[in-house]
Amino acid sequence: MSRAASNDNHNDNDATRSGALTVWQLAREWIELHGAAAVVTVVDTWGTAPAPVGTRLVIAGNLHEGDISGGCVEDELVAVAEGVIAEGGARVVDYDVSDEAAWHSGLACGGRLKVVVEPLGPADIAFLDTVIAAEQERRPVVVTTRIADGTRTLYAEGDALPADVIAARDAATVTLAGDDANELFVQPLLPPVHVVIVGAAHIAQALVPLARQVGYRVSVVDPRREFVDAFRSVDATTMVAQPPEAFAALGLDARTAVVALAHTSAIDDATLIAALRAPCVYIGALGSRTNQGRRLERLRAEGFSDADLARIHGPVGLSIGAKGPAEIAVSILAEIIKVVRGAS
């Protein structure tokens, strides 16, 4: 028996659609219901493996939640998880999804993937509670698991980290580190990116489902009640508020992307002033190059330096010749992903 699920931003942590439980919340629930569970994490892929690195799957008995191969290896992983739970310790498993197996699962073609299978039981409840609390409070943590014996270490923000753990944290991706005798599975558990859109208009309407599809949390803010009342989305929090008031309630951190789409200088300027005073990973503003130049002059008059203003992506979105709300939304999301991933 399985339930369909999807990851929340993959390695940035995973909220399932059914019940909106994260991987760690679901694992905890299933430990209480079934006595034990296992978490499977993709750590490497080759070819056309359908799940990116960091994708997770939860298993308890014959239940599994998540999708790492389009159905090619999930049933096999149930048996592997049973063995890992019985034996203790973690296990690294390689799968080669052949073209024939991929065809039967409805995939375009085959691929290879490497996964880590970790058992979790009642003794791990305190660990899971710490991870879940960090998720809810948007505090990044790093977890290491020694493959040989399953020993876990959890590092909070500010803790001293071993060199190989630092490299994984900085890369913001799960990885295997160390030699075969002392192999470590390193998981930076980062809060999901929070896209805060100011301006509840057509581009926002198109951007919300795109951002949710890649696992981002989304909030839409507009001081104009008529815009918010006309906004229709089940996948975003909506607020009728001025940007500073909304940002104080939502909280802007280093995993927040702010997008100014009001197309009204008073609202957009207030948005950018508040965002520039926060550690946002991304700040974008709608408008032509001419409007952007005028906007920067107004912000300089507010005391912002050229270095501050360089943080603003304007005109917002990648330069792909986008026309219309849907294409502009695609360009904005692509630019956010590029900045978050540190791509050149």
C-alpha atoms as a PDB file:
ATOM      1  CA  MET A   1       0.000   0.000   0.000  1.00  0.00           C
ATOM      2  CA  SER A   2       1.355   3.431  -0.849  1.00  0.00           C
ATOM      3  CA  ARG A   3       0.140   7.011  -0.846  1.00  0.00           C
ATOM      4  CA  ALA A   4       1.122   9.544  -3.473  1.00  0.00           C
ATOM      5  CA  ALA A   5       3.429  12.281  -2.212  1.00  0.00           C
ATOM      6  CA  SER A   6       5.833  14.922  -3.322  1.00  0.00           C
ATOM      7  CA  ASN A   7       8.940  16.459  -1.811  1.00  0.00           C
ATOM      8  CA  ASP A   8       9.053  20.018  -0.566  1.00  0.00           C
ATOM      9  CA  ASN A   9      12.053  21.483  -2.303  1.00  0.00           C
ATOM     10  CA  HIS A  10      13.841  18.147  -2.182  1.00  0.00           C
ATOM     11  CA  ASN A  11      16.928  18.558   0.023  1.00  0.00           C
ATOM     12  CA  ASP A  12      15.507  21.797   1.373  1.00  0.00           C
ATOM     13  CA  ASN A  13      13.009  19.662   3.153  1.00  0.00           C
ATOM     14  CA  ASP A  14      10.028  17.739   2.282  1.00  0.00           C
ATOM     15  CA  ALA A  15       6.335  18.457   2.768  1.00  0.00           C
ATOM     16  CA  THR A  16       3.997  15.785   1.466  1.00  0.00           C
ATOM     17  CA  ARG A  17       0.807  16.866  -0.230  1.00  0.00           C
ATOM     18  CA  SER A  18      -1.346  14.419   1.735  1.00  0.00           C
ATOM     19  CA  GLY A  19      -1.890  16.057   5.097  1.00  0.00           C
ATOM     20  CA  ALA A  20       0.964  18.522   4.504  1.00  0.00           C
ATOM     21  CA  LEU A  21       3.274  16.424   6.701  1.00  0.00           C
ATOM     22  CA  THR A  22       6.992  16.734   6.142  1.00  0.00           C
ATOM     23  CA  VAL A  23       9.096  13.614   5.750  1.00  0.00           C
ATOM     24  CA  TRP A  24      10.260  13.899   9.350  1.00  0.00           C
ATOM     25  CA  GLN A  25       6.761  14.432  10.724  1.00  0.00           C
ATOM     26  CA  LEU A  26       5.486  11.445   8.765  1.00  0.00           C
ATOM     27  CA  ALA A  27       8.401   9.262   9.952  1.00  0.00           C
ATOM     28  CA  ARG A  28       7.607  10.207  13.546  1.00  0.00           C
ATOM     29  CA  GLU A  29       3.917   9.444  13.054  1.00  0.00           C
ATOM     30  CA  TRP A  30       4.657   6.076  11.503  1.00  0.00           C
ATOM     31  CA  ILE A  31       7.101   5.134  14.270  1.00  0.00           C
ATOM     32  CA  GLU A  32       4.301   5.675  16.770  1.00  0.00           C
ATOM     33  CA  LEU A  33       1.826   3.716  14.642  1.00  0.00           C
ATOM     34  CA  HIS A  34       4.069   0.912  13.372  1.00  0.00           C
ATOM     35  CA  GLY A  35       7.074   0.857  15.726  1.00  0.00           C
ATOM     36  CA  ALA A  36       9.706   1.767  13.155  1.00  0.00           C
ATOM     37  CA  ALA A  37      10.260   3.544   9.843  1.00  0.00           C
ATOM     38  CA  ALA A  38      13.013   4.205   7.343  1.00  0.00           C
ATOM     39  CA  VAL A  39      13.903   7.312   5.380  1.00  0.00           C
ATOM     40  CA  VAL A  40      15.416   6.851   1.927  1.00  0.00           C
ATOM     41  CA  THR A  41      17.364   9.772   0.440  1.00  0.00           C
ATOM     42  CA  VAL A  42      18.730  10.080  -3.103  1.00  0.00           C
ATOM     43  CA  VAL A  43      22.422  11.045  -2.834  1.00  0.00           C
ATOM     44  CA  ASP A  44      23.575  10.682  -6.437  1.00  0.00           C
ATOM     45  CA  THR A  45      22.098  10.146  -9.897  1.00  0.00           C
ATOM     46  CA  TRP A  46      23.321   9.379 -13.394  1.00  0.00           C
ATOM     47  CA  GLY A  47      21.570   9.463 -16.731  1.00  0.00           C
ATOM     48  CA  THR A  48      17.850  10.160 -16.617  1.00  0.00           C
ATOM     49  CA  ALA A  49      16.993   9.182 -13.042  1.00  0.00           C
ATOM     50  CA  PRO A  50      13.672  10.983 -12.413  1.00  0.00           C
ATOM     51  CA  ALA A  51      14.324  12.185  -8.853  1.00  0.00           C
ATOM     52  CA  PRO A  52      16.940  14.845  -8.101  1.00  0.00           C
ATOM     53  CA  VAL A  53      19.520  14.507  -5.348  1.00  0.00           C
ATOM     54  CA  GLY A  54      17.885  15.138  -1.975  1.00  0.00           C
ATOM     55  CA  THR A  55      14.538  13.553  -2.828  1.00  0.00           C
ATOM     56  CA  ARG A  56      13.230  11.493   0.097  1.00  0.00           C
ATOM     57  CA  LEU A  57      10.929   8.540   0.630  1.00  0.00           C
ATOM     58  CA  VAL A  58       9.480   7.280   3.943  1.00  0.00           C
ATOM     59  CA  ILE A  59       8.815   3.564   4.491  1.00  0.00           C
ATOM     60  CA  ALA A  60       7.052   1.724   7.331  1.00  0.00           C
ATOM     61  CA  GLY A  61       6.133  -1.919   6.780  1.00  0.00           C
ATOM     62  CA  ASN A  62       4.424  -2.094   3.389  1.00  0.00           C
ATOM     63  CA  LEU A  63       3.607   1.623   3.424  1.00  0.00           C
ATOM     64  CA  HIS A  64       5.729   4.083   1.522  1.00  0.00           C
ATOM     65  CA  GLU A  65       5.283   7.776   0.915  1.00  0.00           C
ATOM     66  CA  GLY A  66       7.248   9.558  -1.783  1.00  0.00           C
ATOM     67  CA  ASP A  67       8.583   8.824  -5.241  1.00  0.00           C
ATOM     68  CA  ILE A  68      12.237   8.506  -6.198  1.00  0.00           C
ATOM     69  CA  SER A  69      12.107   6.423  -9.368  1.00  0.00           C
ATOM     70  CA  GLY A  70       8.617   6.597 -10.833  1.00  0.00           C
ATOM     71  CA  GLY A  71       7.876   3.164  -9.352  1.00  0.00           C
ATOM     72  CA  CYS A  72      10.943   1.321 -10.651  1.00  0.00           C
ATOM     73  CA  VAL A  73      12.613   0.556  -7.309  1.00  0.00           C
ATOM     74  CA  GLU A  74      10.158   1.570  -4.566  1.00  0.00           C
ATOM     75  CA  ASP A  75       8.952  -2.004  -3.979  1.00  0.00           C
ATOM     76  CA  GLU A  76      12.543  -3.242  -3.704  1.00  0.00           C
ATOM     77  CA  LEU A  77      13.298  -0.481  -1.217  1.00  0.00           C
ATOM     78  CA  VAL A  78      10.506  -1.705   1.051  1.00  0.00           C
ATOM     79  CA  ALA A  79      12.439  -4.982   1.436  1.00  0.00           C
ATOM     80  CA  VAL A  80      15.740  -3.138   1.913  1.00  0.00           C
ATOM     81  CA  ALA A  81      14.161  -0.920   4.574  1.00  0.00           C
ATOM     82  CA  GLU A  82      12.863  -3.981   6.408  1.00  0.00           C
ATOM     83  CA  GLY A  83      16.396  -5.384   6.553  1.00  0.00           C
ATOM     84  CA  VAL A  84      17.945  -2.086   7.632  1.00  0.00           C
ATOM     85  CA  ILE A  85      15.373  -1.654  10.408  1.00  0.00           C
ATOM     86  CA  ALA A  86      16.058  -5.205  11.633  1.00  0.00           C
ATOM     87  CA  GLU A  87      19.851  -4.899  11.501  1.00  0.00           C
ATOM     88  CA  GLY A  88      20.345  -1.250  12.550  1.00  0.00           C
ATOM     89  CA  GLY A  89      22.816   1.111  10.892  1.00  0.00           C
ATOM     90  CA  ALA A  90      22.365   2.848   7.570  1.00  0.00           C
ATOM     91  CA  ARG A  91      22.923   1.362   4.129  1.00  0.00           C
ATOM     92  CA  VAL A  92      24.030   2.787   0.788  1.00  0.00           C
ATOM     93  CA  VAL A  93      22.323   1.142  -2.193  1.00  0.00           C
ATOM     94  CA  ASP A  94      22.928   1.629  -5.929  1.00  0.00           C
ATOM     95  CA  TYR A  95      20.187   1.048  -8.485  1.00  0.00           C
ATOM     96  CA  ASP A  96      20.470   0.808 -12.243  1.00  0.00           C
ATOM     97  CA  VAL A  97      17.019   1.433 -13.688  1.00  0.00           C
ATOM     98  CA  SER A  98      17.204  -0.330 -17.038  1.00  0.00           C
ATOM     99  CA  ASP A  99      15.468   0.953 -20.127  1.00  0.00           C
ATOM    100  CA  GLU A 100      13.053  -2.009 -19.947  1.00  0.00           C
ATOM    101  CA  ALA A 101      12.154  -1.364 -16.290  1.00  0.00           C
ATOM    102  CA  ALA A 102      11.769   2.317 -16.996  1.00  0.00           C
ATOM    103  CA  TRP A 103       9.467   1.576 -19.920  1.00  0.00           C
ATOM    104  CA  HIS A 104       7.190  -0.568 -17.755  1.00  0.00           C
ATOM    105  CA  SER A 105       7.067   2.229 -15.153  1.00  0.00           C
ATOM    106  CA  GLY A 106       6.099   4.804 -17.768  1.00  0.00           C
ATOM    107  CA  LEU A 107       9.480   6.597 -17.768  1.00  0.00           C
ATOM    108  CA  ALA A 108      11.070   7.891 -20.942  1.00  0.00           C
ATOM    109  CA  CYS A 109      14.295   5.928 -20.414  1.00  0.00           C
ATOM    110  CA  GLY A 110      16.494   4.441 -17.713  1.00  0.00           C
ATOM    111  CA  GLY A 111      19.035   5.841 -15.307  1.00  0.00           C
ATOM    112  CA  ARG A 112      21.041   5.108 -12.184  1.00  0.00           C
ATOM    113  CA  LEU A 113      20.675   6.386  -8.664  1.00  0.00           C
ATOM    114  CA  LYS A 114      22.370   5.944  -5.308  1.00  0.00           C
ATOM    115  CA  VAL A 115      20.342   6.126  -2.115  1.00  0.00           C
ATOM    116  CA  VAL A 116      20.947   6.039   1.635  1.00  0.00           C
ATOM    117  CA  VAL A 117      18.455   4.041   3.710  1.00  0.00           C
ATOM    118  CA  GLU A 118      18.288   5.054   7.386  1.00  0.00           C
ATOM    119  CA  PRO A 119      16.266   3.241  10.056  1.00  0.00           C
ATOM    120  CA  LEU A 120      14.322   5.207  12.650  1.00  0.00           C
ATOM    121  CA  GLY A 121      12.714   3.882  15.800  1.00  0.00           C
ATOM    122  CA  PRO A 122      11.368   4.974  19.193  1.00  0.00           C
ATOM    123  CA  ALA A 123      14.883   5.898  20.339  1.00  0.00           C
ATOM    124  CA  ASP A 124      14.999   8.476  17.523  1.00  0.00           C
ATOM    125  CA  ILE A 125      11.875  10.400  18.581  1.00  0.00           C
ATOM    126  CA  ALA A 126      13.914  13.095  20.381  1.00  0.00           C
ATOM    127  CA  PHE A 127      16.078  13.528  17.263  1.00  0.00           C
ATOM    128  CA  LEU A 128      12.995  13.843  15.063  1.00  0.00           C
ATOM    129  CA  ASP A 129      11.392  16.332  17.450  1.00  0.00           C
ATOM    130  CA  THR A 130      14.509  18.517  17.216  1.00  0.00           C
ATOM    131  CA  VAL A 131      14.488  18.381  13.412  1.00  0.00           C
ATOM    132  CA  ILE A 132      10.759  19.113  13.260  1.00  0.00           C
ATOM    133  CA  ALA A 133      11.118  22.077  15.634  1.00  0.00           C
ATOM    134  CA  ALA A 134      13.949  23.457  13.467  1.00  0.00           C
ATOM    135  CA  GLU A 135      11.711  23.084  10.401  1.00  0.00           C
ATOM    136  CA  GLN A 136       8.850  24.925  12.023  1.00  0.00           C
ATOM    137  CA  GLU A 137      11.119  27.724  13.264  1.00  0.00           C
ATOM    138  CA  ARG A 138      12.989  27.920   9.922  1.00  0.00           C
ATOM    139  CA  ARG A 139      16.342  27.189  11.575  1.00  0.00           C
ATOM    140  CA  PRO A 140      18.880  25.400   9.361  1.00  0.00           C
ATOM    141  CA  VAL A 141      20.546  22.326  10.851  1.00  0.00           C
ATOM    142  CA  VAL A 142      23.032  19.777   9.533  1.00  0.00           C
ATOM    143  CA  VAL A 143      22.676  16.075  10.328  1.00  0.00           C
ATOM    144  CA  THR A 144      25.447  13.526   9.839  1.00  0.00           C
ATOM    145  CA  THR A 145      24.927   9.767   9.953  1.00  0.00           C
ATOM    146  CA  ARG A 146      27.819   7.300  10.193  1.00  0.00           C
ATOM    147  CA  ILE A 147      26.991   4.602   7.632  1.00  0.00           C
ATOM    148  CA  ALA A 148      28.738   1.811   9.536  1.00  0.00           C
ATOM    149  CA  ASP A 149      26.684   2.032  12.719  1.00  0.00           C
ATOM    150  CA  GLY A 150      23.982   4.657  12.107  1.00  0.00           C
ATOM    151  CA  THR A 151      25.323   7.096  14.720  1.00  0.00           C
ATOM    152  CA  ARG A 152      23.790  10.533  14.179  1.00  0.00           C
ATOM    153  CA  THR A 153      25.090  13.985  15.053  1.00  0.00           C
ATOM    154  CA  LEU A 154      22.963  17.105  14.716  1.00  0.00           C
ATOM    155  CA  TYR A 155      24.679  20.470  14.272  1.00  0.00           C
ATOM    156  CA  ALA A 156      22.736  23.660  14.940  1.00  0.00           C
ATOM    157  CA  GLU A 157      23.530  26.988  13.300  1.00  0.00           C
ATOM    158  CA  GLY A 158      26.771  28.341  14.789  1.00  0.00           C
ATOM    159  CA  ASP A 159      28.159  24.967  15.881  1.00  0.00           C
ATOM    160  CA  ALA A 160      31.712  24.081  14.863  1.00  0.00           C
ATOM    161  CA  LEU A 161      31.642  21.651  11.941  1.00  0.00           C
ATOM    162  CA  PRO A 162      34.233  19.189  10.594  1.00  0.00           C
ATOM    163  CA  ALA A 163      35.750  20.268   7.287  1.00  0.00           C
ATOM    164  CA  ASP A 164      33.921  17.708   5.125  1.00  0.00           C
ATOM    165  CA  VAL A 165      30.620  18.643   6.759  1.00  0.00           C
ATOM    166  CA  ILE A 166      31.282  22.337   6.079  1.00  0.00           C
ATOM    167  CA  ALA A 167      31.714  21.582   2.372  1.00  0.00           C
ATOM    168  CA  ALA A 168      28.359  19.797   2.224  1.00  0.00           C
ATOM    169  CA  ARG A 169      26.625  22.548   4.171  1.00  0.00           C
ATOM    170  CA  ASP A 170      28.009  25.232   1.878  1.00  0.00           C
ATOM    171  CA  ALA A 171      26.923  23.258  -1.181  1.00  0.00           C
ATOM    172  CA  ALA A 172      23.437  22.982   0.403  1.00  0.00           C
ATOM    173  CA  THR A 173      23.032  19.411  -0.803  1.00  0.00           C
ATOM    174  CA  VAL A 174      23.112  15.952   0.706  1.00  0.00           C
ATOM    175  CA  THR A 175      26.321  14.027   0.132  1.00  0.00           C
ATOM    176  CA  LEU A 176      28.492  11.135   1.256  1.00  0.00           C
ATOM    177  CA  ALA A 177      31.806  12.213   2.802  1.00  0.00           C
ATOM    178  CA  GLY A 178      34.851  10.495   4.284  1.00  0.00           C
ATOM    179  CA  ASP A 179      36.485   7.193   3.370  1.00  0.00           C
ATOM    180  CA  ASP A 180      34.834   3.774   3.156  1.00  0.00           C
ATOM    181  CA  ALA A 181      35.741   2.882   6.735  1.00  0.00           C
ATOM    182  CA  ASN A 182      34.341   6.122   8.133  1.00  0.00           C
ATOM    183  CA  GLU A 183      31.748   7.136   5.558  1.00  0.00           C
ATOM    184  CA  LEU A 184      29.354   9.892   6.642  1.00  0.00           C
ATOM    185  CA  PHE A 185      25.996  10.781   5.171  1.00  0.00           C
ATOM    186  CA  VAL A 186      25.703  14.569   5.460  1.00  0.00           C
ATOM    187  CA  GLN A 187      22.305  16.274   5.244  1.00  0.00           C
ATOM    188  CA  PRO A 188      21.968  20.058   5.387  1.00  0.00           C
ATOM    189  CA  LEU A 189      18.308  20.500   6.358  1.00  0.00           C
ATOM    190  CA  LEU A 190      17.370  23.948   5.146  1.00  0.00           C
ATOM    191  CA  PRO A 191      14.052  25.774   5.449  1.00  0.00           C
ATOM    192  CA  PRO A 192      12.071  25.758   2.205  1.00  0.00           C
ATOM    193  CA  VAL A 193      12.446  28.919   0.168  1.00  0.00           C
ATOM    194  CA  HIS A 194       9.646  31.354   1.001  1.00  0.00           C
ATOM    195  CA  VAL A 195       8.560  33.463  -1.962  1.00  0.00           C
ATOM    196  CA  VAL A 196       6.825  36.627  -0.772  1.00  0.00           C
ATOM    197  CA  ILE A 197       4.999  38.332  -3.641  1.00  0.00           C
ATOM    198  CA  VAL A 198       3.835  41.906  -3.157  1.00  0.00           C
ATOM    199  CA  GLY A 199       1.136  42.716  -5.689  1.00  0.00           C
ATOM    200  CA  ALA A 200      -1.847  40.373  -6.105  1.00  0.00           C
ATOM    201  CA  ALA A 201      -2.263  40.726  -9.852  1.00  0.00           C
ATOM    202  CA  HIS A 202      -2.000  38.549 -12.967  1.00  0.00           C
ATOM    203  CA  ILE A 203       1.705  37.711 -12.764  1.00  0.00           C
ATOM    204  CA  ALA A 204       1.312  36.687  -9.123  1.00  0.00           C
ATOM    205  CA  GLN A 205      -1.600  34.452 -10.088  1.00  0.00           C
ATOM    206  CA  ALA A 206       0.656  32.655 -12.577  1.00  0.00           C
ATOM    207  CA  LEU A 207       3.719  32.593 -10.307  1.00  0.00           C
ATOM    208  CA  VAL A 208       2.083  30.986  -7.257  1.00  0.00           C
ATOM    209  CA  PRO A 209       1.399  27.504  -8.740  1.00  0.00           C
ATOM    210  CA  LEU A 210       4.804  27.421 -10.433  1.00  0.00           C
ATOM    211  CA  ALA A 211       6.613  28.217  -7.194  1.00  0.00           C
ATOM    212  CA  ARG A 212       4.545  25.679  -5.270  1.00  0.00           C
ATOM    213  CA  GLN A 213       5.277  23.020  -7.863  1.00  0.00           C
ATOM    214  CA  VAL A 214       9.014  23.245  -7.140  1.00  0.00           C
ATOM    215  CA  GLY A 215       8.317  23.088  -3.416  1.00  0.00           C
ATOM    216  CA  TYR A 216       8.536  26.735  -2.380  1.00  0.00           C
ATOM    217  CA  ARG A 217       6.293  28.251   0.259  1.00  0.00           C
ATOM    218  CA  VAL A 218       4.400  31.279  -1.118  1.00  0.00           C
ATOM    219  CA  SER A 219       2.738  34.318   0.443  1.00  0.00           C
ATOM    220  CA  VAL A 220       0.968  37.079  -1.468  1.00  0.00           C
ATOM    221  CA  VAL A 221       0.722  40.561   0.058  1.00  0.00           C
ATOM    222  CA  ASP A 222      -1.153  43.622  -1.169  1.00  0.00           C
ATOM    223  CA  PRO A 223      -2.452  46.670   0.744  1.00  0.00           C
ATOM    224  CA  ARG A 224      -5.248  46.975  -1.832  1.00  0.00           C
ATOM    225  CA  ARG A 225      -8.108  44.836  -0.511  1.00  0.00           C
ATOM    226  CA  GLU A 226      -9.843  44.681  -3.864  1.00  0.00           C
ATOM    227  CA  PHE A 227      -6.764  43.024  -5.396  1.00  0.00           C
ATOM    228  CA  VAL A 228      -6.537  40.440  -2.614  1.00  0.00           C
ATOM    229  CA  ASP A 229     -10.285  39.763  -2.721  1.00  0.00           C
ATOM    230  CA  ALA A 230     -10.022  39.061  -6.456  1.00  0.00           C
ATOM    231  CA  PHE A 231      -6.950  36.817  -6.017  1.00  0.00           C
ATOM    232  CA  ARG A 232      -7.727  33.114  -6.281  1.00  0.00           C
ATOM    233  CA  SER A 233      -5.194  30.569  -5.049  1.00  0.00           C
ATOM    234  CA  VAL A 234      -5.335  27.696  -2.580  1.00  0.00           C
ATOM    235  CA  ASP A 235      -1.551  27.404  -2.530  1.00  0.00           C
ATOM    236  CA  ALA A 236      -0.588  30.767  -1.039  1.00  0.00           C
ATOM    237  CA  THR A 237      -1.179  32.721   2.131  1.00  0.00           C
ATOM    238  CA  THR A 238      -2.740  36.101   1.308  1.00  0.00           C
ATOM    239  CA  MET A 239      -2.528  39.255   3.406  1.00  0.00           C
ATOM    240  CA  VAL A 240      -4.091  42.699   3.095  1.00  0.00           C
ATOM    241  CA  ALA A 241      -1.285  44.818   4.555  1.00  0.00           C
ATOM    242  CA  GLN A 242       1.414  47.325   3.779  1.00  0.00           C
ATOM    243  CA  PRO A 243       4.745  45.587   2.996  1.00  0.00           C
ATOM    244  CA  PRO A 244       6.567  46.502   6.250  1.00  0.00           C
ATOM    245  CA  GLU A 245       3.633  45.284   8.343  1.00  0.00           C
ATOM    246  CA  ALA A 246       3.339  42.052   6.342  1.00  0.00           C
ATOM    247  CA  PHE A 247       7.081  41.382   6.447  1.00  0.00           C
ATOM    248  CA  ALA A 248       7.133  41.836  10.225  1.00  0.00           C
ATOM    249  CA  ALA A 249       4.418  39.179  10.505  1.00  0.00           C
ATOM    250  CA  LEU A 250       5.905  36.789   7.951  1.00  0.00           C
ATOM    251  CA  GLY A 251       9.570  37.234   8.871  1.00  0.00           C
ATOM    252  CA  LEU A 252      12.218  37.703   6.174  1.00  0.00           C
ATOM    253  CA  ASP A 253      15.266  35.465   6.439  1.00  0.00           C
ATOM    254  CA  ALA A 254      18.099  34.189   4.267  1.00  0.00           C
ATOM    255  CA  ARG A 255      15.743  31.708   2.578  1.00  0.00           C
ATOM    256  CA  THR A 256      13.188  34.363   1.585  1.00  0.00           C
ATOM    257  CA  ALA A 257      12.712  35.685  -1.953  1.00  0.00           C
ATOM    258  CA  VAL A 258      10.797  38.966  -2.212  1.00  0.00           C
ATOM    259  CA  VAL A 259       9.174  39.880  -5.530  1.00  0.00           C
ATOM    260  CA  ALA A 260       7.705  43.372  -6.001  1.00  0.00           C
ATOM    261  CA  LEU A 261       4.910  43.098  -8.569  1.00  0.00           C
ATOM    262  CA  ALA A 262       2.491  45.855  -7.506  1.00  0.00           C
ATOM    263  CA  HIS A 263       3.568  48.055 -10.449  1.00  0.00           C
ATOM    264  CA  THR A 264       2.860  51.057  -8.234  1.00  0.00           C
ATOM    265  CA  SER A 265       5.920  52.974  -7.102  1.00  0.00           C
ATOM    266  CA  ALA A 266       4.701  53.690  -3.570  1.00  0.00           C
ATOM    267  CA  ILE A 267       4.043  49.995  -2.853  1.00  0.00           C
ATOM    268  CA  ASP A 268       7.063  48.674  -4.738  1.00  0.00           C
ATOM    269  CA  ASP A 269       9.443  51.160  -3.097  1.00  0.00           C
ATOM    270  CA  ALA A 270       8.141  50.259   0.370  1.00  0.00           C
ATOM    271  CA  THR A 271       8.621  46.589  -0.514  1.00  0.00           C
ATOM    272  CA  LEU A 272      12.213  47.078  -1.642  1.00  0.00           C
ATOM    273  CA  ILE A 273      13.180  49.287   1.306  1.00  0.00           C
ATOM    274  CA  ALA A 274      11.978  46.636   3.761  1.00  0.00           C
ATOM    275  CA  ALA A 275      13.534  43.770   1.787  1.00  0.00           C
ATOM    276  CA  LEU A 276      16.914  45.508   1.499  1.00  0.00           C
ATOM    277  CA  ARG A 277      16.992  45.810   5.289  1.00  0.00           C
ATOM    278  CA  ALA A 278      16.607  42.028   5.618  1.00  0.00           C
ATOM    279  CA  PRO A 279      18.929  39.141   4.630  1.00  0.00           C
ATOM    280  CA  CYS A 280      16.713  37.973   1.728  1.00  0.00           C
ATOM    281  CA  VAL A 281      18.315  35.543  -0.709  1.00  0.00           C
ATOM    282  CA  TYR A 282      16.566  37.241  -3.645  1.00  0.00           C
ATOM    283  CA  ILE A 283      14.894  40.590  -4.304  1.00  0.00           C
ATOM    284  CA  GLY A 284      13.171  41.287  -7.619  1.00  0.00           C
ATOM    285  CA  ALA A 285      11.122  44.196  -8.949  1.00  0.00           C
ATOM    286  CA  LEU A 286       8.812  44.449 -11.940  1.00  0.00           C
ATOM    287  CA  GLY A 287       9.268  47.346 -14.324  1.00  0.00           C
ATOM    288  CA  SER A 288      11.135  48.532 -17.393  1.00  0.00           C
ATOM    289  CA  ARG A 289      14.811  49.493 -17.349  1.00  0.00           C
ATOM    290  CA  THR A 290      13.758  53.137 -17.331  1.00  0.00           C
ATOM    291  CA  ASN A 291      11.516  52.568 -14.325  1.00  0.00           C
ATOM    292  CA  GLN A 292      14.264  50.591 -12.646  1.00  0.00           C
ATOM    293  CA  GLY A 293      16.693  53.493 -13.066  1.00  0.00           C
ATOM    294  CA  ARG A 294      14.229  55.926 -11.514  1.00  0.00           C
ATOM    295  CA  ARG A 295      13.542  53.472  -8.706  1.00  0.00           C
ATOM    296  CA  LEU A 296      17.242  53.135  -7.886  1.00  0.00           C
ATOM    297  CA  GLU A 297      17.582  56.911  -7.678  1.00  0.00           C
ATOM    298  CA  ARG A 298      14.715  57.053  -5.194  1.00  0.00           C
ATOM    299  CA  LEU A 299      16.316  54.299  -3.125  1.00  0.00           C
ATOM    300  CA  ARG A 300      19.683  56.066  -3.154  1.00  0.00           C
ATOM    301  CA  ALA A 301      17.884  59.072  -1.702  1.00  0.00           C
ATOM    302  CA  GLU A 302      16.753  56.751   1.113  1.00  0.00           C
ATOM    303  CA  GLY A 303      20.414  56.103   1.934  1.00  0.00           C
ATOM    304  CA  PHE A 304      21.034  52.791   0.175  1.00  0.00           C
ATOM    305  CA  SER A 305      24.471  52.238  -1.377  1.00  0.00           C
ATOM    306  CA  ASP A 306      25.254  50.875  -4.828  1.00  0.00           C
ATOM    307  CA  ALA A 307      26.160  47.562  -3.167  1.00  0.00           C
ATOM    308  CA  ASP A 308      22.730  47.459  -1.545  1.00  0.00           C
ATOM    309  CA  LEU A 309      20.979  48.264  -4.797  1.00  0.00           C
ATOM    310  CA  ALA A 310      22.926  45.588  -6.661  1.00  0.00           C
ATOM    311  CA  ARG A 311      20.873  43.039  -4.719  1.00  0.00           C
ATOM    312  CA  ILE A 312      17.741  44.055  -6.651  1.00  0.00           C
ATOM    313  CA  HIS A 313      16.996  42.070  -9.806  1.00  0.00           C
ATOM    314  CA  GLY A 314      15.257  44.525 -12.072  1.00  0.00           C
ATOM    315  CA  PRO A 315      13.663  44.223 -14.488  1.00  0.00           C
ATOM    316  CA  VAL A 316      12.660  41.067 -12.613  1.00  0.00           C
ATOM    317  CA  GLY A 317      13.214  37.642 -14.187  1.00  0.00           C
ATOM    318  CA  LEU A 318      15.703  36.109 -16.564  1.00  0.00           C
ATOM    319  CA  SER A 319      16.004  37.856 -19.905  1.00  0.00           C
ATOM    320  CA  ILE A 320      14.252  35.283 -22.114  1.00  0.00           C
ATOM    321  CA  GLY A 321      11.976  37.604 -24.066  1.00  0.00           C
ATOM    322  CA  ALA A 322       9.010  36.689 -21.869  1.00  0.00           C
ATOM    323  CA  LYS A 323       5.612  38.069 -22.913  1.00  0.00           C
ATOM    324  CA  GLY A 324       2.442  37.930 -20.851  1.00  0.00           C
ATOM    325  CA  PRO A 325       1.909  36.957 -17.202  1.00  0.00           C
ATOM    326  CA  ALA A 326       2.620  33.230 -17.563  1.00  0.00           C
ATOM    327  CA  GLU A 327       5.944  33.639 -19.376  1.00  0.00           C
ATOM    328  CA  ILE A 328       7.032  36.447 -17.045  1.00  0.00           C
ATOM    329  CA  ALA A 329       6.210  34.185 -14.075  1.00  0.00           C
ATOM    330  CA  VAL A 330       8.388  31.446 -15.585  1.00  0.00           C
ATOM    331  CA  SER A 331      11.268  33.898 -15.998  1.00  0.00           C
ATOM    332  CA  ILE A 332      10.912  35.092 -12.396  1.00  0.00           C
ATOM    333  CA  LEU A 333      10.868  31.578 -10.958  1.00  0.00           C
ATOM    334  CA  ALA A 334      13.853  30.582 -13.095  1.00  0.00           C
ATOM    335  CA  GLU A 335      15.806  33.572 -11.791  1.00  0.00           C
ATOM    336  CA  ILE A 336      14.910  32.756  -8.177  1.00  0.00           C
ATOM    337  CA  ILE A 337      16.042  29.150  -8.641  1.00  0.00           C
ATOM    338  CA  LYS A 338      19.283  30.332 -10.272  1.00  0.00           C
ATOM    339  CA  VAL A 339      20.082  32.651  -7.358  1.00  0.00           C
ATOM    340  CA  VAL A 340      19.066  30.152  -4.667  1.00  0.00           C
ATOM    341  CA  ARG A 341      21.195  27.433  -6.255  1.00  0.00           C
ATOM    342  CA  GLY A 342      24.122  29.783  -6.757  1.00  0.00           C
ATOM    343  CA  ALA A 343      24.247  28.986 -10.475  1.00  0.00           C
ATOM    344  CA  SER A 344      26.335  31.170 -12.740  1.00  0.00           C
END
